[in-house]
Amino acid sequence: MPAEPALPPPKPTKDDPRPPSLVAPKEMTMPFVPNQPTVVIVGADKGGVGKTTLSRVILDYFAAQGMTTRAFDTESPKGDLIRFFPSITEVVNLRDSDDQVKVFDSISNASITLIDIRAGLLTETLNLLSEIGFLDMVKEGKVNTAVMHVIGSTLASFGEIEQTSQILTGAKHCIVLNRNNSAEFFKGIDDVARQALSLGTSVIDVPMLDPRAMEHVDSASVPFGDFEKDPKYSFVMRGKVRHWEKQVFTQLDAAQFNIH
């Protein structure tokens, strides 16, 4: 029997700035099941790649859908995410058994649980979830889970993708390129990078937000969504944040993060 022809890559839309080679095929995305708790893990094995920026956008995304959200900031003891979402965020140490209980014994307490993993702790956390049987629940369809794997531009960072993908089965494994860290993701390693990206269920390519707009939001210490709606802040900066967040929301929609 002749092999089926390969499907052409999807065409980018006006709201999707990624080149076709970065857009995962639709059949690779995994929709969330309604009326089930959802856990979103944002992490990397390298620091400075923009994990907390992504966490902030994702919390805005689910809030815009009217979902009940909570977050855990694992940059213990101080934390960074908690500065922007103090009412729903708790700082925890995921190497502490009591804090592990605090996070994973209570996932049914909110529709969305987001965990912002500190640098270097992603693989360790996924191994923990495998050991305690959490990933078995994911495979059985009892909990929606997405791992947002924020990568750098080094060969080592791309190598982490394969290691992570081997642990995850039944969960979304989204490879995230965050342009806000000014990384040159493909310079000199195009083939290696594109092969690594193909191991994820989808690719999220976060465009760069105007640095001055980012500074304004960071100084305000509020969520992006609150900043863009509040007239006490600059009209220009609010417009830039609104446009940028819409671009990221479009990509999350394409990766089927919306819960109906």
C-alpha atoms as a PDB file:
ATOM      1  CA  MET A   1       0.000   0.000   0.000  1.00  0.00           C
ATOM      2  CA  PRO A   2       1.525   3.366  -0.931  1.00  0.00           C
ATOM      3  CA  ALA A   3       2.358   5.709   1.897  1.00  0.00           C
ATOM      4  CA  GLU A   4      -0.103   8.506   2.554  1.00  0.00           C
ATOM      5  CA  PRO A   5       1.141  11.894   1.393  1.00  0.00           C
ATOM      6  CA  ALA A   6       2.398  14.203   4.117  1.00  0.00           C
ATOM      7  CA  LEU A   7       0.047  16.981   5.071  1.00  0.00           C
ATOM      8  CA  PRO A   8       1.262  20.456   4.141  1.00  0.00           C
ATOM      9  CA  PRO A   9       2.086  22.734   7.074  1.00  0.00           C
ATOM     10  CA  PRO A  10      -0.733  25.083   8.067  1.00  0.00           C
ATOM     11  CA  LYS A  11      -0.521  28.621   6.765  1.00  0.00           C
ATOM     12  CA  PRO A  12       0.141  31.385   9.288  1.00  0.00           C
ATOM     13  CA  THR A  13      -2.675  33.847   9.847  1.00  0.00           C
ATOM     14  CA  LYS A  14      -2.461  37.599  10.333  1.00  0.00           C
ATOM     15  CA  ASP A  15      -2.681  37.055  14.108  1.00  0.00           C
ATOM     16  CA  ASP A  16      -0.118  34.235  14.072  1.00  0.00           C
ATOM     17  CA  PRO A  17       3.394  35.572  13.430  1.00  0.00           C
ATOM     18  CA  ARG A  18       5.110  32.186  13.346  1.00  0.00           C
ATOM     19  CA  PRO A  19       6.554  30.842  10.124  1.00  0.00           C
ATOM     20  CA  PRO A  20       4.843  27.610   8.949  1.00  0.00           C
ATOM     21  CA  SER A  21       7.770  25.468  10.113  1.00  0.00           C
ATOM     22  CA  LEU A  22       7.032  26.433  13.737  1.00  0.00           C
ATOM     23  CA  VAL A  23       3.323  25.668  13.689  1.00  0.00           C
ATOM     24  CA  ALA A  24       2.501  22.190  14.960  1.00  0.00           C
ATOM     25  CA  PRO A  25      -0.015  20.242  12.835  1.00  0.00           C
ATOM     26  CA  LYS A  26      -3.567  20.415  14.157  1.00  0.00           C
ATOM     27  CA  GLU A  27      -3.732  16.663  14.691  1.00  0.00           C
ATOM     28  CA  MET A  28      -0.917  16.935  17.256  1.00  0.00           C
ATOM     29  CA  THR A  29      -2.848  19.258  19.563  1.00  0.00           C
ATOM     30  CA  MET A  30      -4.790  17.733  22.451  1.00  0.00           C
ATOM     31  CA  PRO A  31      -8.005  19.499  23.526  1.00  0.00           C
ATOM     32  CA  PHE A  32      -8.759  19.840  27.208  1.00  0.00           C
ATOM     33  CA  VAL A  33     -11.759  17.900  28.510  1.00  0.00           C
ATOM     34  CA  PRO A  34     -14.428  20.184  30.046  1.00  0.00           C
ATOM     35  CA  ASN A  35     -15.407  19.832  33.710  1.00  0.00           C
ATOM     36  CA  GLN A  36     -12.075  18.365  34.757  1.00  0.00           C
ATOM     37  CA  PRO A  37      -9.344  20.022  36.824  1.00  0.00           C
ATOM     38  CA  THR A  38      -6.577  21.461  34.686  1.00  0.00           C
ATOM     39  CA  VAL A  39      -2.936  21.738  35.731  1.00  0.00           C
ATOM     40  CA  VAL A  40      -0.546  23.921  33.731  1.00  0.00           C
ATOM     41  CA  ILE A  41       3.138  23.545  34.534  1.00  0.00           C
ATOM     42  CA  VAL A  42       5.434  26.311  33.278  1.00  0.00           C
ATOM     43  CA  GLY A  43       9.094  25.420  33.512  1.00  0.00           C
ATOM     44  CA  ALA A  44      12.553  25.069  32.059  1.00  0.00           C
ATOM     45  CA  ASP A  45      15.893  23.630  33.047  1.00  0.00           C
ATOM     46  CA  LYS A  46      17.497  27.010  32.355  1.00  0.00           C
ATOM     47  CA  GLY A  47      16.943  30.399  33.972  1.00  0.00           C
ATOM     48  CA  GLY A  48      16.197  33.683  32.267  1.00  0.00           C
ATOM     49  CA  VAL A  49      13.962  32.294  29.518  1.00  0.00           C
ATOM     50  CA  GLY A  50      10.755  34.091  30.522  1.00  0.00           C
ATOM     51  CA  LYS A  51       8.793  31.511  32.504  1.00  0.00           C
ATOM     52  CA  THR A  52       7.047  33.993  34.766  1.00  0.00           C
ATOM     53  CA  THR A  53       6.098  36.261  31.857  1.00  0.00           C
ATOM     54  CA  LEU A  54       4.407  33.261  30.236  1.00  0.00           C
ATOM     55  CA  SER A  55       2.691  32.293  33.495  1.00  0.00           C
ATOM     56  CA  ARG A  56       1.237  35.789  33.771  1.00  0.00           C
ATOM     57  CA  VAL A  57      -0.203  35.630  30.243  1.00  0.00           C
ATOM     58  CA  ILE A  58      -1.680  32.168  30.803  1.00  0.00           C
ATOM     59  CA  LEU A  59      -3.424  33.278  34.007  1.00  0.00           C
ATOM     60  CA  ASP A  60      -4.909  36.211  32.071  1.00  0.00           C
ATOM     61  CA  TYR A  61      -5.982  33.832  29.305  1.00  0.00           C
ATOM     62  CA  PHE A  62      -7.982  31.572  31.618  1.00  0.00           C
ATOM     63  CA  ALA A  63      -9.382  34.508  33.580  1.00  0.00           C
ATOM     64  CA  ALA A  64     -10.715  35.897  30.286  1.00  0.00           C
ATOM     65  CA  GLN A  65     -12.598  32.598  29.883  1.00  0.00           C
ATOM     66  CA  GLY A  66     -14.157  33.045  33.327  1.00  0.00           C
ATOM     67  CA  MET A  67     -12.225  30.143  34.845  1.00  0.00           C
ATOM     68  CA  THR A  68     -11.421  29.902  38.556  1.00  0.00           C
ATOM     69  CA  THR A  69      -7.636  30.027  38.758  1.00  0.00           C
ATOM     70  CA  ARG A  70      -4.954  29.610  41.390  1.00  0.00           C
ATOM     71  CA  ALA A  71      -1.179  29.623  41.095  1.00  0.00           C
ATOM     72  CA  PHE A  72       1.877  28.312  42.885  1.00  0.00           C
ATOM     73  CA  ASP A  73       5.151  30.209  42.670  1.00  0.00           C
ATOM     74  CA  THR A  74       8.066  27.842  43.334  1.00  0.00           C
ATOM     75  CA  GLU A  75      10.723  30.570  43.541  1.00  0.00           C
ATOM     76  CA  SER A  76      10.810  29.984  47.292  1.00  0.00           C
ATOM     77  CA  PRO A  77      11.105  31.837  49.579  1.00  0.00           C
ATOM     78  CA  LYS A  78      10.518  35.177  47.822  1.00  0.00           C
ATOM     79  CA  GLY A  79       8.752  34.422  44.544  1.00  0.00           C
ATOM     80  CA  ASP A  80       8.057  36.683  41.563  1.00  0.00           C
ATOM     81  CA  LEU A  81       4.680  35.603  40.170  1.00  0.00           C
ATOM     82  CA  ILE A  82       3.034  36.416  43.504  1.00  0.00           C
ATOM     83  CA  ARG A  83       3.880  40.113  42.968  1.00  0.00           C
ATOM     84  CA  PHE A  84       1.429  40.245  40.045  1.00  0.00           C
ATOM     85  CA  PHE A  85      -1.252  37.858  41.353  1.00  0.00           C
ATOM     86  CA  PRO A  86      -1.083  38.115  45.170  1.00  0.00           C
ATOM     87  CA  SER A  87      -4.698  37.080  45.777  1.00  0.00           C
ATOM     88  CA  ILE A  88      -4.450  33.712  43.975  1.00  0.00           C
ATOM     89  CA  THR A  89      -0.749  32.828  44.315  1.00  0.00           C
ATOM     90  CA  GLU A  90       1.123  30.959  47.031  1.00  0.00           C
ATOM     91  CA  VAL A  91       4.892  30.523  47.245  1.00  0.00           C
ATOM     92  CA  VAL A  92       5.929  26.896  47.770  1.00  0.00           C
ATOM     93  CA  ASN A  93       9.062  24.767  47.826  1.00  0.00           C
ATOM     94  CA  LEU A  94       8.406  21.769  45.575  1.00  0.00           C
ATOM     95  CA  ARG A  95      11.340  19.891  47.090  1.00  0.00           C
ATOM     96  CA  ASP A  96       9.454  19.869  50.400  1.00  0.00           C
ATOM     97  CA  SER A  97       7.003  16.982  50.887  1.00  0.00           C
ATOM     98  CA  ASP A  98       4.475  19.106  52.780  1.00  0.00           C
ATOM     99  CA  ASP A  99       4.405  21.654  49.975  1.00  0.00           C
ATOM    100  CA  GLN A 100       4.035  18.856  47.408  1.00  0.00           C
ATOM    101  CA  VAL A 101       0.942  17.742  49.313  1.00  0.00           C
ATOM    102  CA  LYS A 102      -0.321  21.331  49.404  1.00  0.00           C
ATOM    103  CA  VAL A 103      -0.140  21.559  45.604  1.00  0.00           C
ATOM    104  CA  PHE A 104      -1.111  18.152  44.273  1.00  0.00           C
ATOM    105  CA  ASP A 105      -3.612  16.971  46.892  1.00  0.00           C
ATOM    106  CA  SER A 106      -5.851  19.948  46.132  1.00  0.00           C
ATOM    107  CA  ILE A 107      -6.009  20.184  42.338  1.00  0.00           C
ATOM    108  CA  SER A 108      -9.798  19.883  42.410  1.00  0.00           C
ATOM    109  CA  ASN A 109     -10.084  23.116  44.442  1.00  0.00           C
ATOM    110  CA  ALA A 110      -9.945  25.266  41.294  1.00  0.00           C
ATOM    111  CA  SER A 111     -10.666  24.841  37.616  1.00  0.00           C
ATOM    112  CA  ILE A 112      -7.106  25.902  36.742  1.00  0.00           C
ATOM    113  CA  THR A 113      -3.951  25.297  38.757  1.00  0.00           C
ATOM    114  CA  LEU A 114      -0.820  26.930  37.355  1.00  0.00           C
ATOM    115  CA  ILE A 115       2.612  26.012  38.705  1.00  0.00           C
ATOM    116  CA  ASP A 116       5.500  28.320  37.861  1.00  0.00           C
ATOM    117  CA  ILE A 117       8.549  26.055  38.232  1.00  0.00           C
ATOM    118  CA  ARG A 118      11.856  27.586  39.256  1.00  0.00           C
ATOM    119  CA  ALA A 119      14.823  27.154  36.910  1.00  0.00           C
ATOM    120  CA  GLY A 120      16.395  23.697  36.970  1.00  0.00           C
ATOM    121  CA  LEU A 121      13.433  22.018  38.663  1.00  0.00           C
ATOM    122  CA  LEU A 122      11.314  20.964  35.673  1.00  0.00           C
ATOM    123  CA  THR A 123      12.703  17.463  35.097  1.00  0.00           C
ATOM    124  CA  GLU A 124      12.803  16.808  38.835  1.00  0.00           C
ATOM    125  CA  THR A 125       9.155  17.839  39.148  1.00  0.00           C
ATOM    126  CA  LEU A 126       8.059  15.645  36.238  1.00  0.00           C
ATOM    127  CA  ASN A 127       9.886  12.684  37.758  1.00  0.00           C
ATOM    128  CA  LEU A 128       8.035  13.343  41.018  1.00  0.00           C
ATOM    129  CA  LEU A 129       4.692  13.372  39.175  1.00  0.00           C
ATOM    130  CA  SER A 130       5.584  10.051  37.581  1.00  0.00           C
ATOM    131  CA  GLU A 131       6.538   8.512  40.938  1.00  0.00           C
ATOM    132  CA  ILE A 132       3.367   9.568  42.774  1.00  0.00           C
ATOM    133  CA  GLY A 133       1.067   8.394  39.972  1.00  0.00           C
ATOM    134  CA  PHE A 134      -0.075  11.830  38.823  1.00  0.00           C
ATOM    135  CA  LEU A 135       0.992  11.162  35.236  1.00  0.00           C
ATOM    136  CA  ASP A 136      -0.997   7.910  35.318  1.00  0.00           C
ATOM    137  CA  MET A 137      -4.090  10.009  36.075  1.00  0.00           C
ATOM    138  CA  VAL A 138      -3.238  12.154  33.071  1.00  0.00           C
ATOM    139  CA  LYS A 139      -2.984   9.096  30.810  1.00  0.00           C
ATOM    140  CA  GLU A 140      -6.355   7.879  32.135  1.00  0.00           C
ATOM    141  CA  GLY A 141      -7.957  11.222  31.258  1.00  0.00           C
ATOM    142  CA  LYS A 142      -8.756  12.167  34.857  1.00  0.00           C
ATOM    143  CA  VAL A 143      -6.974  15.508  34.791  1.00  0.00           C
ATOM    144  CA  ASN A 144      -6.060  17.939  32.014  1.00  0.00           C
ATOM    145  CA  THR A 145      -2.349  18.690  32.076  1.00  0.00           C
ATOM    146  CA  ALA A 146      -0.099  20.885  29.979  1.00  0.00           C
ATOM    147  CA  VAL A 147       3.630  21.315  30.376  1.00  0.00           C
ATOM    148  CA  MET A 148       4.803  24.628  28.958  1.00  0.00           C
ATOM    149  CA  HIS A 149       8.467  23.928  28.267  1.00  0.00           C
ATOM    150  CA  VAL A 150      10.166  27.316  27.869  1.00  0.00           C
ATOM    151  CA  ILE A 151      13.473  26.837  26.117  1.00  0.00           C
ATOM    152  CA  GLY A 152      16.623  28.811  25.470  1.00  0.00           C
ATOM    153  CA  SER A 153      18.590  28.904  22.230  1.00  0.00           C
ATOM    154  CA  THR A 154      21.391  26.472  23.120  1.00  0.00           C
ATOM    155  CA  LEU A 155      21.882  22.892  21.967  1.00  0.00           C
ATOM    156  CA  ALA A 156      21.558  21.774  25.588  1.00  0.00           C
ATOM    157  CA  SER A 157      18.182  23.472  25.855  1.00  0.00           C
ATOM    158  CA  PHE A 158      16.892  21.758  22.714  1.00  0.00           C
ATOM    159  CA  GLY A 159      18.242  18.455  24.058  1.00  0.00           C
ATOM    160  CA  GLU A 160      16.035  18.831  27.137  1.00  0.00           C
ATOM    161  CA  ILE A 161      12.944  18.588  24.942  1.00  0.00           C
ATOM    162  CA  GLU A 162      13.490  14.925  24.090  1.00  0.00           C
ATOM    163  CA  GLN A 163      14.088  14.029  27.742  1.00  0.00           C
ATOM    164  CA  THR A 164      10.897  15.769  28.779  1.00  0.00           C
ATOM    165  CA  SER A 165       8.811  14.296  25.958  1.00  0.00           C
ATOM    166  CA  GLN A 166       9.750  10.770  27.054  1.00  0.00           C
ATOM    167  CA  ILE A 167       8.230  11.384  30.490  1.00  0.00           C
ATOM    168  CA  LEU A 168       4.977  12.889  29.217  1.00  0.00           C
ATOM    169  CA  THR A 169       2.236  10.774  27.695  1.00  0.00           C
ATOM    170  CA  GLY A 170      -1.328  12.027  27.430  1.00  0.00           C
ATOM    171  CA  ALA A 171      -0.368  15.568  28.431  1.00  0.00           C
ATOM    172  CA  LYS A 172       0.120  18.604  26.262  1.00  0.00           C
ATOM    173  CA  HIS A 173       3.835  19.221  25.847  1.00  0.00           C
ATOM    174  CA  CYS A 174       4.079  22.738  24.478  1.00  0.00           C
ATOM    175  CA  ILE A 175       7.472  24.005  23.410  1.00  0.00           C
ATOM    176  CA  VAL A 176       7.648  27.732  24.096  1.00  0.00           C
ATOM    177  CA  LEU A 177       9.965  30.196  22.392  1.00  0.00           C
ATOM    178  CA  ASN A 178       9.829  33.465  24.298  1.00  0.00           C
ATOM    179  CA  ARG A 179      11.170  36.285  22.134  1.00  0.00           C
ATOM    180  CA  ASN A 180      11.222  38.615  25.147  1.00  0.00           C
ATOM    181  CA  ASN A 181      14.550  37.130  26.235  1.00  0.00           C
ATOM    182  CA  SER A 182      16.161  38.201  22.903  1.00  0.00           C
ATOM    183  CA  ALA A 183      17.405  34.669  22.161  1.00  0.00           C
ATOM    184  CA  GLU A 184      18.401  33.728  18.614  1.00  0.00           C
ATOM    185  CA  PHE A 185      16.764  30.313  18.641  1.00  0.00           C
ATOM    186  CA  PHE A 186      17.902  28.945  15.292  1.00  0.00           C
ATOM    187  CA  LYS A 187      21.204  30.658  14.587  1.00  0.00           C
ATOM    188  CA  GLY A 188      23.575  27.973  13.306  1.00  0.00           C
ATOM    189  CA  ILE A 189      21.485  25.040  14.587  1.00  0.00           C
ATOM    190  CA  ASP A 190      18.371  25.149  12.396  1.00  0.00           C
ATOM    191  CA  ASP A 191      18.101  21.402  11.751  1.00  0.00           C
ATOM    192  CA  VAL A 192      18.669  20.413  15.387  1.00  0.00           C
ATOM    193  CA  ALA A 193      16.200  23.017  16.609  1.00  0.00           C
ATOM    194  CA  ARG A 194      13.416  22.096  14.212  1.00  0.00           C
ATOM    195  CA  GLN A 195      13.800  18.379  14.940  1.00  0.00           C
ATOM    196  CA  ALA A 196      13.566  19.075  18.672  1.00  0.00           C
ATOM    197  CA  LEU A 197      10.485  21.261  18.237  1.00  0.00           C
ATOM    198  CA  SER A 198       8.721  18.454  16.379  1.00  0.00           C
ATOM    199  CA  LEU A 199       8.706  16.377  19.588  1.00  0.00           C
ATOM    200  CA  GLY A 200       6.157  18.634  21.270  1.00  0.00           C
ATOM    201  CA  THR A 201       2.408  18.544  20.785  1.00  0.00           C
ATOM    202  CA  SER A 202       2.512  22.222  19.789  1.00  0.00           C
ATOM    203  CA  VAL A 203       4.823  25.219  19.588  1.00  0.00           C
ATOM    204  CA  ILE A 204       4.014  28.557  21.206  1.00  0.00           C
ATOM    205  CA  ASP A 205       6.132  31.395  19.793  1.00  0.00           C
ATOM    206  CA  VAL A 206       5.685  34.365  22.129  1.00  0.00           C
ATOM    207  CA  PRO A 207       6.461  37.621  20.282  1.00  0.00           C
ATOM    208  CA  MET A 208       8.481  40.374  21.904  1.00  0.00           C
ATOM    209  CA  LEU A 209       6.508  42.974  23.816  1.00  0.00           C
ATOM    210  CA  ASP A 210       7.829  46.523  23.424  1.00  0.00           C
ATOM    211  CA  PRO A 211      10.462  46.777  26.216  1.00  0.00           C
ATOM    212  CA  ARG A 212       9.073  50.083  27.466  1.00  0.00           C
ATOM    213  CA  ALA A 213       5.589  48.594  27.703  1.00  0.00           C
ATOM    214  CA  MET A 214       7.017  45.648  29.646  1.00  0.00           C
ATOM    215  CA  GLU A 215       8.732  48.087  32.003  1.00  0.00           C
ATOM    216  CA  HIS A 216       5.467  49.958  32.582  1.00  0.00           C
ATOM    217  CA  VAL A 217       3.605  46.750  33.488  1.00  0.00           C
ATOM    218  CA  ASP A 218       6.407  45.502  35.714  1.00  0.00           C
ATOM    219  CA  SER A 219       6.539  48.844  37.544  1.00  0.00           C
ATOM    220  CA  ALA A 220       2.770  48.702  38.073  1.00  0.00           C
ATOM    221  CA  SER A 221       3.024  45.137  39.499  1.00  0.00           C
ATOM    222  CA  VAL A 222      -0.361  44.199  38.024  1.00  0.00           C
ATOM    223  CA  PRO A 223      -1.466  41.524  35.533  1.00  0.00           C
ATOM    224  CA  PHE A 224      -1.180  42.412  31.841  1.00  0.00           C
ATOM    225  CA  GLY A 225      -4.966  42.185  31.551  1.00  0.00           C
ATOM    226  CA  ASP A 226      -5.524  44.676  34.383  1.00  0.00           C
ATOM    227  CA  PHE A 227      -2.932  47.069  32.986  1.00  0.00           C
ATOM    228  CA  GLU A 228      -4.477  47.214  29.533  1.00  0.00           C
ATOM    229  CA  LYS A 229      -7.939  48.004  30.938  1.00  0.00           C
ATOM    230  CA  ASP A 230      -6.991  50.682  33.471  1.00  0.00           C
ATOM    231  CA  PRO A 231      -7.140  54.244  32.073  1.00  0.00           C
ATOM    232  CA  LYS A 232      -4.723  55.545  34.704  1.00  0.00           C
ATOM    233  CA  TYR A 233      -1.911  53.970  32.685  1.00  0.00           C
ATOM    234  CA  SER A 234      -0.536  55.229  29.349  1.00  0.00           C
ATOM    235  CA  PHE A 235      -2.956  54.869  26.438  1.00  0.00           C
ATOM    236  CA  VAL A 236      -0.082  53.931  24.102  1.00  0.00           C
ATOM    237  CA  MET A 237       1.413  51.349  26.447  1.00  0.00           C
ATOM    238  CA  ARG A 238      -1.987  49.819  27.156  1.00  0.00           C
ATOM    239  CA  GLY A 239      -2.572  49.424  23.423  1.00  0.00           C
ATOM    240  CA  LYS A 240       0.779  47.710  22.931  1.00  0.00           C
ATOM    241  CA  VAL A 241       0.117  45.299  25.790  1.00  0.00           C
ATOM    242  CA  ARG A 242      -3.397  44.556  24.494  1.00  0.00           C
ATOM    243  CA  HIS A 243      -2.127  43.808  20.982  1.00  0.00           C
ATOM    244  CA  TRP A 244       0.700  41.607  22.285  1.00  0.00           C
ATOM    245  CA  GLU A 245      -1.510  39.615  24.634  1.00  0.00           C
ATOM    246  CA  LYS A 246      -4.037  39.052  21.847  1.00  0.00           C
ATOM    247  CA  GLN A 247      -1.259  37.489  19.749  1.00  0.00           C
ATOM    248  CA  VAL A 248      -0.364  35.102  22.570  1.00  0.00           C
ATOM    249  CA  PHE A 249      -4.037  34.249  23.203  1.00  0.00           C
ATOM    250  CA  THR A 250      -4.410  33.365  19.511  1.00  0.00           C
ATOM    251  CA  GLN A 251      -1.601  30.850  19.799  1.00  0.00           C
ATOM    252  CA  LEU A 252      -3.045  29.327  22.976  1.00  0.00           C
ATOM    253  CA  ASP A 253      -6.367  28.961  21.155  1.00  0.00           C
ATOM    254  CA  ALA A 254      -4.576  27.189  18.300  1.00  0.00           C
ATOM    255  CA  ALA A 255      -3.013  24.789  20.804  1.00  0.00           C
ATOM    256  CA  GLN A 256      -6.554  24.106  22.122  1.00  0.00           C
ATOM    257  CA  PHE A 257      -6.133  25.555  25.602  1.00  0.00           C
ATOM    258  CA  ASN A 258      -9.628  27.017  25.541  1.00  0.00           C
ATOM    259  CA  ILE A 259     -12.050  25.087  27.737  1.00  0.00           C
ATOM    260  CA  HIS A 260     -15.698  25.079  26.662  1.00  0.00           C
END
